[in-house]
């Protein structure tokens, strides 16, 4: 599977902005998952969440989950060994995807150098 490109980032940014209501969604194609109508999916929803440490300035965590509240609770309670020393955490951004594969691609992108720059530009306070 090729690494996400800048065009993937631009499309994802547009999708994120569309979901948050910052852009009109009249350009979404049918079946893209971003149409204004409702759709039924048997797959569980997948979220990419960006967490920010409230104790260590500039420290972020990017993860893939199906339950953001449980994931945040796990990080804040010390059940996640990687993030325990930087907690407590707060949610900075959550992006919902129709499929796990799209969510995984966006998560990998956000963990890359250009993805971290994208997150600083679009998700920073």
N, C-alpha and C. Protein backbone atom coordinates (compact mmCIF):
# COMPACT_ATOMS: atom_id res chain seq x y z
N UNK A 1 0.85 -1.17 0.00
CA UNK A 1 0.00 0.00 0.00
C UNK A 1 0.90 1.24 0.00
N UNK A 2 0.73 2.16 -0.94
CA UNK A 2 1.57 3.35 -0.99
C UNK A 2 1.29 4.28 0.18
N UNK A 3 2.30 5.04 0.54
CA UNK A 3 2.18 6.00 1.63
C UNK A 3 1.25 7.14 1.19
N UNK A 4 0.42 7.66 2.08
CA UNK A 4 -0.48 8.76 1.70
C UNK A 4 0.29 9.95 1.14
N UNK A 5 -0.24 10.55 0.13
CA UNK A 5 0.41 11.66 -0.54
C UNK A 5 -0.18 12.99 -0.08
N UNK A 6 0.38 14.06 -0.60
CA UNK A 6 -0.14 15.39 -0.28
C UNK A 6 -1.59 15.52 -0.74
N UNK A 7 -1.94 14.89 -1.87
CA UNK A 7 -3.32 14.97 -2.34
C UNK A 7 -4.25 14.26 -1.36
N UNK A 8 -3.77 13.14 -0.76
CA UNK A 8 -4.57 12.45 0.27
C UNK A 8 -4.79 13.40 1.44
N UNK A 9 -3.75 14.13 1.83
CA UNK A 9 -3.87 15.07 2.94
C UNK A 9 -4.88 16.17 2.60
N UNK A 10 -4.82 16.68 1.39
CA UNK A 10 -5.74 17.73 0.99
C UNK A 10 -7.17 17.21 0.97
N UNK A 11 -7.37 16.00 0.43
CA UNK A 11 -8.72 15.42 0.41
C UNK A 11 -9.22 15.18 1.83
N UNK A 12 -8.34 14.69 2.69
CA UNK A 12 -8.71 14.41 4.06
C UNK A 12 -9.02 15.70 4.81
N UNK A 13 -8.22 16.74 4.55
CA UNK A 13 -8.48 18.03 5.19
C UNK A 13 -9.84 18.55 4.76
N UNK A 14 -10.16 18.44 3.46
CA UNK A 14 -11.46 18.87 2.98
C UNK A 14 -12.56 18.08 3.66
N UNK A 15 -12.37 16.76 3.77
CA UNK A 15 -13.37 15.92 4.41
C UNK A 15 -13.55 16.31 5.87
N UNK A 16 -12.45 16.56 6.56
CA UNK A 16 -12.53 16.96 7.96
C UNK A 16 -13.29 18.27 8.08
N UNK A 17 -12.96 19.24 7.25
CA UNK A 17 -13.63 20.53 7.32
C UNK A 17 -15.10 20.40 6.96
N UNK A 18 -15.40 19.52 6.01
CA UNK A 18 -16.79 19.29 5.65
C UNK A 18 -17.56 18.71 6.82
N UNK A 19 -16.95 17.76 7.50
CA UNK A 19 -17.61 17.13 8.64
C UNK A 19 -17.85 18.11 9.77
N UNK A 20 -16.96 19.05 9.97
CA UNK A 20 -17.12 20.00 11.06
C UNK A 20 -17.98 21.19 10.68
N UNK A 21 -18.47 21.22 9.45
CA UNK A 21 -19.38 22.28 9.04
C UNK A 21 -18.69 23.55 8.61
N UNK A 22 -17.37 23.53 8.46
CA UNK A 22 -16.66 24.73 8.06
C UNK A 22 -16.74 24.98 6.56
N UNK A 23 -17.01 23.93 5.82
CA UNK A 23 -17.21 24.06 4.37
C UNK A 23 -18.55 23.44 4.01
N UNK A 24 -19.16 23.92 2.97
CA UNK A 24 -20.37 23.28 2.50
C UNK A 24 -20.01 21.95 1.88
N UNK A 25 -20.90 21.00 1.94
CA UNK A 25 -20.60 19.65 1.47
C UNK A 25 -21.27 19.37 0.13
N UNK A 26 -21.43 20.36 -0.69
CA UNK A 26 -22.12 20.15 -1.96
C UNK A 26 -21.24 19.45 -3.00
N UNK A 27 -19.93 19.31 -2.73
CA UNK A 27 -19.04 18.68 -3.69
C UNK A 27 -18.82 17.20 -3.40
N UNK A 28 -19.42 16.67 -2.36
CA UNK A 28 -19.22 15.26 -2.01
C UNK A 28 -19.88 14.36 -3.06
N UNK A 29 -19.17 13.32 -3.42
CA UNK A 29 -19.72 12.39 -4.41
C UNK A 29 -20.57 11.34 -3.71
N UNK A 30 -21.57 10.79 -4.40
CA UNK A 30 -22.39 9.75 -3.80
C UNK A 30 -21.54 8.56 -3.40
N UNK A 31 -21.80 8.03 -2.22
CA UNK A 31 -21.07 6.87 -1.74
C UNK A 31 -19.72 7.20 -1.14
N UNK A 32 -19.37 8.48 -1.07
CA UNK A 32 -18.05 8.84 -0.54
C UNK A 32 -18.02 8.80 0.97
N UNK A 33 -19.19 8.66 1.61
CA UNK A 33 -19.22 8.68 3.06
C UNK A 33 -19.40 10.08 3.62
N UNK A 34 -19.38 11.09 2.75
CA UNK A 34 -19.50 12.47 3.21
C UNK A 34 -20.74 13.15 2.65
N UNK A 35 -21.61 12.39 2.06
CA UNK A 35 -22.85 12.97 1.53
C UNK A 35 -23.74 13.37 2.70
N UNK A 36 -24.64 14.28 2.46
CA UNK A 36 -25.48 14.79 3.53
C UNK A 36 -26.56 13.82 3.95
N UNK A 37 -26.89 12.85 3.13
CA UNK A 37 -27.90 11.85 3.49
C UNK A 37 -27.35 10.84 4.47
N UNK A 38 -28.22 10.01 5.01
CA UNK A 38 -27.77 9.00 5.94
C UNK A 38 -27.45 7.72 5.20
N UNK A 39 -26.52 6.96 5.75
CA UNK A 39 -26.19 5.67 5.16
C UNK A 39 -26.07 4.65 6.28
N UNK A 40 -26.33 3.40 5.95
CA UNK A 40 -26.26 2.34 6.93
C UNK A 40 -24.99 1.55 6.68
N UNK A 41 -24.19 1.37 7.73
CA UNK A 41 -22.97 0.62 7.61
C UNK A 41 -22.94 -0.45 8.68
N UNK A 42 -22.52 -1.65 8.30
CA UNK A 42 -22.41 -2.73 9.27
C UNK A 42 -21.07 -2.70 9.97
N UNK A 43 -20.11 -1.97 9.44
CA UNK A 43 -18.79 -1.86 10.03
C UNK A 43 -18.82 -0.85 11.18
N UNK A 44 -18.11 -1.14 12.29
CA UNK A 44 -18.10 -0.16 13.37
C UNK A 44 -17.38 1.11 12.93
N UNK A 45 -17.79 2.22 13.44
CA UNK A 45 -17.17 3.49 13.09
C UNK A 45 -15.75 3.52 13.64
N UNK A 46 -14.86 4.13 12.88
CA UNK A 46 -13.47 4.24 13.29
C UNK A 46 -13.10 5.71 13.36
N UNK A 47 -12.37 6.07 14.39
CA UNK A 47 -11.98 7.45 14.62
C UNK A 47 -10.47 7.54 14.73
N UNK A 48 -9.92 8.60 14.18
CA UNK A 48 -8.53 8.96 14.44
C UNK A 48 -8.61 10.13 15.39
N UNK A 49 -7.97 9.97 16.54
CA UNK A 49 -8.04 11.06 17.52
C UNK A 49 -6.65 11.60 17.78
N UNK A 50 -6.59 12.90 17.98
CA UNK A 50 -5.35 13.58 18.34
C UNK A 50 -5.53 14.06 19.77
N UNK A 51 -4.67 13.56 20.65
CA UNK A 51 -4.71 13.95 22.05
C UNK A 51 -3.54 14.87 22.33
N UNK A 52 -3.73 15.78 23.28
CA UNK A 52 -2.68 16.72 23.66
C UNK A 52 -2.47 16.62 25.16
N UNK A 53 -1.21 16.57 25.56
CA UNK A 53 -0.88 16.52 26.98
C UNK A 53 -1.21 17.87 27.63
N UNK A 54 -1.84 17.83 28.80
CA UNK A 54 -2.10 19.08 29.52
C UNK A 54 -0.92 19.43 30.42
N UNK A 55 0.03 18.50 30.55
CA UNK A 55 1.17 18.71 31.43
C UNK A 55 2.44 19.06 30.68
N UNK A 56 2.64 18.47 29.50
CA UNK A 56 3.86 18.69 28.72
C UNK A 56 3.48 19.43 27.44
N UNK A 57 3.87 20.69 27.36
CA UNK A 57 3.52 21.54 26.23
C UNK A 57 4.07 20.95 24.92
N UNK A 58 3.21 20.88 23.91
CA UNK A 58 3.61 20.41 22.59
C UNK A 58 3.63 18.90 22.42
N UNK A 59 3.27 18.15 23.44
CA UNK A 59 3.26 16.69 23.35
C UNK A 59 1.90 16.22 22.87
N UNK A 60 1.88 15.45 21.77
CA UNK A 60 0.63 14.96 21.19
C UNK A 60 0.68 13.45 21.03
N UNK A 61 -0.48 12.86 20.95
CA UNK A 61 -0.61 11.43 20.70
C UNK A 61 -1.67 11.26 19.62
N UNK A 62 -1.37 10.45 18.62
CA UNK A 62 -2.31 10.16 17.54
C UNK A 62 -2.66 8.68 17.62
N UNK A 63 -3.96 8.38 17.63
CA UNK A 63 -4.37 6.99 17.72
C UNK A 63 -5.64 6.70 16.95
N UNK A 64 -5.86 5.42 16.71
CA UNK A 64 -7.03 4.91 16.00
C UNK A 64 -7.89 4.15 16.99
N UNK A 65 -9.18 4.43 17.03
CA UNK A 65 -10.07 3.80 17.99
C UNK A 65 -11.49 3.73 17.46
N UNK A 66 -12.31 2.91 18.09
CA UNK A 66 -13.74 2.89 17.77
C UNK A 66 -14.54 3.54 18.89
N UNK A 67 -13.87 3.88 20.00
CA UNK A 67 -14.55 4.53 21.13
C UNK A 67 -13.60 5.57 21.72
N UNK A 68 -13.81 6.82 21.38
CA UNK A 68 -12.90 7.90 21.79
C UNK A 68 -12.91 8.08 23.31
N UNK A 69 -14.07 8.03 23.93
CA UNK A 69 -14.15 8.24 25.38
C UNK A 69 -13.38 7.17 26.14
N UNK A 70 -13.52 5.90 25.73
CA UNK A 70 -12.78 4.82 26.39
C UNK A 70 -11.28 4.96 26.16
N UNK A 71 -10.90 5.36 24.95
CA UNK A 71 -9.47 5.53 24.65
C UNK A 71 -8.87 6.65 25.49
N UNK A 72 -9.58 7.77 25.62
CA UNK A 72 -9.08 8.87 26.44
C UNK A 72 -8.98 8.44 27.90
N UNK A 73 -9.98 7.73 28.39
CA UNK A 73 -9.95 7.24 29.77
C UNK A 73 -8.76 6.30 29.99
N UNK A 74 -8.45 5.45 29.01
CA UNK A 74 -7.32 4.54 29.12
C UNK A 74 -6.01 5.31 29.22
N UNK A 75 -5.86 6.35 28.43
CA UNK A 75 -4.64 7.16 28.48
C UNK A 75 -4.54 7.91 29.81
N UNK A 76 -5.63 8.44 30.28
CA UNK A 76 -5.60 9.23 31.51
C UNK A 76 -5.51 8.38 32.78
N UNK A 77 -5.88 7.10 32.70
CA UNK A 77 -5.81 6.24 33.88
C UNK A 77 -4.50 5.47 33.98
N UNK A 78 -3.64 5.58 32.97
CA UNK A 78 -2.36 4.90 33.02
C UNK A 78 -2.37 3.52 32.39
N UNK A 79 -3.46 3.11 31.76
CA UNK A 79 -3.52 1.80 31.11
C UNK A 79 -2.74 1.75 29.81
N UNK A 80 -2.35 2.90 29.28
CA UNK A 80 -1.55 2.95 28.07
C UNK A 80 -0.12 3.31 28.47
N UNK A 81 0.78 2.34 28.42
CA UNK A 81 2.14 2.53 28.92
C UNK A 81 2.90 3.63 28.18
N UNK A 82 2.66 3.76 26.87
CA UNK A 82 3.40 4.76 26.09
C UNK A 82 3.08 6.19 26.52
N UNK A 83 1.86 6.44 26.89
CA UNK A 83 1.46 7.83 27.15
C UNK A 83 1.33 8.19 28.63
N UNK A 84 1.56 7.25 29.53
CA UNK A 84 1.35 7.49 30.96
C UNK A 84 2.17 8.67 31.48
N UNK A 85 3.43 8.75 31.11
CA UNK A 85 4.31 9.78 31.69
C UNK A 85 3.99 11.19 31.20
N UNK A 86 3.16 11.31 30.16
CA UNK A 86 2.83 12.64 29.63
C UNK A 86 1.42 13.10 29.99
N UNK A 87 0.64 12.26 30.65
CA UNK A 87 -0.75 12.58 30.97
C UNK A 87 -0.87 13.61 32.06
N UNK A 88 -2.02 14.13 32.29
CA UNK A 88 -3.31 13.80 31.66
C UNK A 88 -3.42 14.38 30.24
N UNK A 89 -4.34 13.79 29.49
CA UNK A 89 -4.54 14.13 28.09
C UNK A 89 -5.91 14.77 27.89
N UNK A 90 -6.01 15.58 26.82
CA UNK A 90 -7.30 16.12 26.40
C UNK A 90 -7.42 15.91 24.89
N UNK A 91 -8.65 15.81 24.42
CA UNK A 91 -8.89 15.59 23.00
C UNK A 91 -8.72 16.92 22.26
N UNK A 92 -7.90 16.89 21.21
CA UNK A 92 -7.70 18.06 20.36
C UNK A 92 -8.55 17.96 19.10
N UNK A 93 -8.59 16.77 18.49
CA UNK A 93 -9.35 16.57 17.26
C UNK A 93 -9.77 15.12 17.15
N UNK A 94 -10.93 14.91 16.55
CA UNK A 94 -11.43 13.57 16.26
C UNK A 94 -11.99 13.60 14.85
N UNK A 95 -11.53 12.66 14.03
CA UNK A 95 -12.00 12.55 12.65
C UNK A 95 -12.59 11.16 12.48
N UNK A 96 -13.85 11.10 12.04
CA UNK A 96 -14.54 9.83 11.85
C UNK A 96 -14.40 9.37 10.40
N UNK A 97 -14.18 8.07 10.22
CA UNK A 97 -14.05 7.49 8.90
C UNK A 97 -15.06 6.37 8.72
N UNK A 98 -15.47 6.16 7.49
CA UNK A 98 -16.44 5.11 7.19
C UNK A 98 -15.81 3.73 7.26
N UNK A 99 -14.52 3.63 6.97
CA UNK A 99 -13.85 2.33 7.00
C UNK A 99 -12.57 2.40 7.82
N UNK A 100 -12.18 1.25 8.34
CA UNK A 100 -10.95 1.19 9.13
C UNK A 100 -9.72 1.44 8.26
N UNK A 101 -9.75 1.01 7.02
CA UNK A 101 -8.57 1.21 6.16
C UNK A 101 -8.31 2.69 5.90
N UNK A 102 -9.35 3.47 5.68
CA UNK A 102 -9.16 4.92 5.51
C UNK A 102 -8.64 5.56 6.79
N UNK A 103 -9.19 5.14 7.92
CA UNK A 103 -8.74 5.67 9.21
C UNK A 103 -7.28 5.33 9.45
N UNK A 104 -6.87 4.11 9.13
CA UNK A 104 -5.48 3.69 9.32
C UNK A 104 -4.53 4.50 8.43
N UNK A 105 -4.95 4.78 7.20
CA UNK A 105 -4.11 5.59 6.29
C UNK A 105 -3.93 6.99 6.86
N UNK A 106 -5.01 7.58 7.37
CA UNK A 106 -4.91 8.93 7.90
C UNK A 106 -4.07 8.94 9.19
N UNK A 107 -4.22 7.92 10.02
CA UNK A 107 -3.40 7.83 11.24
C UNK A 107 -1.91 7.76 10.86
N UNK A 108 -1.57 6.91 9.91
CA UNK A 108 -0.16 6.81 9.48
C UNK A 108 0.33 8.14 8.93
N UNK A 109 -0.53 8.81 8.16
CA UNK A 109 -0.14 10.12 7.62
C UNK A 109 0.14 11.11 8.75
N UNK A 110 -0.73 11.18 9.76
CA UNK A 110 -0.54 12.12 10.85
C UNK A 110 0.72 11.83 11.66
N UNK A 111 1.21 10.60 11.60
CA UNK A 111 2.43 10.24 12.32
C UNK A 111 3.69 10.51 11.50
N UNK A 112 3.53 10.93 10.25
CA UNK A 112 4.67 11.28 9.40
C UNK A 112 5.05 12.74 9.65
N UNK A 113 6.18 13.14 9.11
CA UNK A 113 6.63 14.53 9.27
C UNK A 113 5.65 15.53 8.70
N UNK A 114 5.18 15.31 7.48
CA UNK A 114 4.24 16.25 6.88
C UNK A 114 2.88 16.17 7.58
N UNK A 115 2.52 15.00 8.08
CA UNK A 115 1.27 14.86 8.82
C UNK A 115 1.30 15.60 10.14
N UNK A 116 2.45 15.58 10.82
CA UNK A 116 2.57 16.35 12.07
C UNK A 116 2.45 17.85 11.79
N UNK A 117 3.05 18.30 10.68
CA UNK A 117 2.93 19.71 10.30
C UNK A 117 1.47 20.05 9.98
N UNK A 118 0.79 19.16 9.28
CA UNK A 118 -0.63 19.34 8.97
C UNK A 118 -1.43 19.47 10.26
N UNK A 119 -1.19 18.59 11.22
CA UNK A 119 -1.92 18.61 12.49
C UNK A 119 -1.64 19.90 13.25
N UNK A 120 -0.40 20.36 13.25
CA UNK A 120 -0.09 21.64 13.94
C UNK A 120 -0.86 22.80 13.31
N UNK A 121 -0.92 22.80 11.96
CA UNK A 121 -1.63 23.88 11.26
C UNK A 121 -3.13 23.84 11.49
N UNK A 122 -3.73 22.65 11.49
CA UNK A 122 -5.18 22.55 11.48
C UNK A 122 -5.82 22.18 12.82
N UNK A 123 -5.06 21.56 13.70
CA UNK A 123 -5.66 21.10 14.96
C UNK A 123 -5.14 21.85 16.17
N UNK A 124 -4.14 22.72 16.02
CA UNK A 124 -3.58 23.43 17.16
C UNK A 124 -4.55 24.49 17.65
N UNK A 125 -4.41 24.80 18.89
CA UNK A 125 -5.28 25.82 19.50
C UNK A 125 -4.88 27.20 19.10
